[in-house]
Structures are given as C-alpha cells and as structure tokens.
Amino acid sequence: MGNAEPFIDFMLERILETIKIKGDAKKENVGVNVGVNVGVKLSARERDLIELLRLDGTLTAARIAETYSISTRQAERLLTSLKKKGFIVREGSDKAGLWVVKE
C-alpha cells in the first residue's frame, strides 16, 4: 500500500471548495439547527467546520488546522466552541472516536 495522505489532502480540498460554493449559494441561510439553537451565532468558519464534520467525523484538530491553514490550537478552540454551543459531540475515545453533528 502507498501513502494515502496526498489523496486525503486532495479530497479535503475538494470538500472545502464544495462547502464554500454551497455557502455562497445559500447566503440567506440563517445557520445550522435553526429553531433548536435560536440566537446562537456561528462564524463562517464554524459553519464550514460543521459541514466538514458531517462529511468526516474522524477529523482531528491537526487535520482541521491544515485544512483551514490555522494553528492546531485555533482548531481546538473552534471544536470547543461548537461543543459548548451544542452543535457537535465527541463519541468514543480521543484517539479512536469521532465528531457527531447534532441535528
């Protein structure tokens, strides 16, 4: 087997591009979980990250940092913010678990 990292990077770039395109097409969208989390404000990056986690819940803070060209600590803060706002939960262990987006 070869190194899958170039393929993973390629796919994450395509996913992020798709999310950005969908976001541009849905400017009137108020946010994720409207009705459940009325009044909770999300940044554009938080909304993008929610969509990215819907597609791949196994993403790590390091991979998110690479995707958005931010520090790992900033990625951790984004995840913590989304957890506190009730949009995501962690299922399983830190190492083998995954992020689940609440509907």
Protein backbone atom coordinates (compact mmCIF):
# COMPACT_ATOMS: atom_id res chain seq x y z
CA MET A 1 0.00 0.00 0.00
CA GLY A 2 1.09 3.53 -0.73
CA ASN A 3 0.85 6.76 1.17
CA ALA A 4 -2.78 7.93 1.26
CA GLU A 5 -2.01 11.42 2.58
CA PRO A 6 -1.91 13.14 -0.86
CA PHE A 7 -5.32 11.64 -1.68
CA ILE A 8 -6.75 12.69 1.68
CA ASP A 9 -5.41 16.23 1.23
CA PHE A 10 -6.89 16.36 -2.28
CA MET A 11 -10.30 15.18 -1.05
CA LEU A 12 -10.35 17.61 1.87
CA GLU A 13 -9.58 20.48 -0.52
CA ARG A 14 -12.46 19.42 -2.80
CA ILE A 15 -14.82 19.11 0.18
CA LEU A 16 -13.85 22.55 1.45
CA GLU A 17 -14.36 24.05 -2.03
CA THR A 18 -17.79 22.42 -2.22
CA ILE A 19 -18.75 23.78 1.19
CA LYS A 20 -17.66 27.27 0.15
CA ILE A 21 -19.67 27.04 -3.08
CA LYS A 22 -22.76 25.82 -1.23
CA GLY A 23 -22.29 28.57 1.35
CA ASP A 24 -22.18 31.21 -1.36
CA ALA A 25 -25.35 29.80 -2.94
CA LYS A 26 -27.17 29.85 0.41
CA LYS A 27 -26.41 33.34 1.70
CA GLU A 28 -29.95 33.59 3.01
CA ASN A 29 -29.39 30.56 5.24
CA VAL A 30 -29.63 31.73 8.83
CA GLY A 31 -27.49 28.91 10.22
CA VAL A 32 -27.39 25.33 11.26
CA ASN A 33 -30.10 23.95 13.58
CA VAL A 34 -32.35 26.98 13.29
CA GLY A 35 -35.15 26.58 15.81
CA VAL A 36 -33.06 24.43 18.13
CA ASN A 37 -30.32 26.98 18.66
CA VAL A 38 -32.14 30.23 18.00
CA GLY A 39 -29.94 33.17 18.84
CA VAL A 40 -26.69 31.20 18.71
CA LYS A 41 -24.33 32.93 16.32
CA LEU A 42 -21.82 30.97 14.30
CA SER A 43 -18.88 32.32 12.38
CA ALA A 44 -18.49 31.37 8.72
CA ARG A 45 -15.61 29.10 9.69
CA GLU A 46 -17.73 27.37 12.35
CA ARG A 47 -20.49 26.76 9.79
CA ASP A 48 -17.94 25.39 7.32
CA LEU A 49 -16.44 23.17 10.00
CA ILE A 50 -19.86 21.74 10.89
CA GLU A 51 -20.35 20.75 7.25
CA LEU A 52 -16.85 19.29 7.10
CA LEU A 53 -17.51 17.24 10.26
CA ARG A 54 -20.78 15.99 8.77
CA LEU A 55 -18.74 14.59 5.88
CA ASP A 56 -15.90 13.21 8.01
CA GLY A 57 -16.39 12.92 11.75
CA THR A 58 -12.94 11.40 12.21
CA LEU A 59 -11.16 14.69 11.51
CA THR A 60 -8.56 15.68 14.07
CA ALA A 61 -7.69 19.18 15.24
CA ALA A 62 -4.39 18.84 13.37
CA ARG A 63 -6.15 17.96 10.10
CA ILE A 64 -8.67 20.78 10.58
CA ALA A 65 -5.75 23.16 11.19
CA GLU A 66 -4.15 22.04 7.92
CA THR A 67 -7.41 22.42 6.02
CA TYR A 68 -8.00 25.98 7.20
CA SER A 69 -4.32 26.99 7.41
CA ILE A 70 -4.65 27.82 11.11
CA SER A 71 -2.81 26.61 14.20
CA THR A 72 -3.81 23.38 15.91
CA ARG A 73 -4.73 25.42 18.98
CA GLN A 74 -7.14 27.55 16.90
CA ALA A 75 -8.72 24.37 15.53
CA GLU A 76 -9.12 23.08 19.08
CA ARG A 77 -10.82 26.35 20.05
CA LEU A 78 -13.24 26.01 17.13
CA LEU A 79 -14.15 22.48 18.21
CA THR A 80 -14.58 23.58 21.83
CA SER A 81 -16.79 26.48 20.75
CA LEU A 82 -19.03 24.19 18.70
CA LYS A 83 -19.23 21.71 21.60
CA LYS A 84 -20.21 24.45 24.08
CA LYS A 85 -22.85 25.77 21.66
CA GLY A 86 -24.28 22.25 21.38
CA PHE A 87 -23.64 21.65 17.68
CA ILE A 88 -21.22 18.72 18.00
CA VAL A 89 -20.41 15.94 20.45
CA ARG A 90 -17.47 13.59 20.66
CA GLU A 91 -18.33 9.90 20.62
CA GLY A 92 -15.71 7.38 21.64
CA SER A 93 -12.18 7.93 22.81
CA ASP A 94 -9.97 10.88 21.99
CA LYS A 95 -7.84 8.70 19.76
CA ALA A 96 -10.38 6.42 18.06
CA GLY A 97 -13.59 8.44 18.45
CA LEU A 98 -15.40 10.71 16.07
CA TRP A 99 -17.28 14.00 15.98
CA VAL A 100 -21.03 13.81 15.57
CA VAL A 101 -23.02 16.81 14.39
CA LYS A 102 -26.27 17.17 16.32
CA GLU A 103 -29.33 17.57 14.13
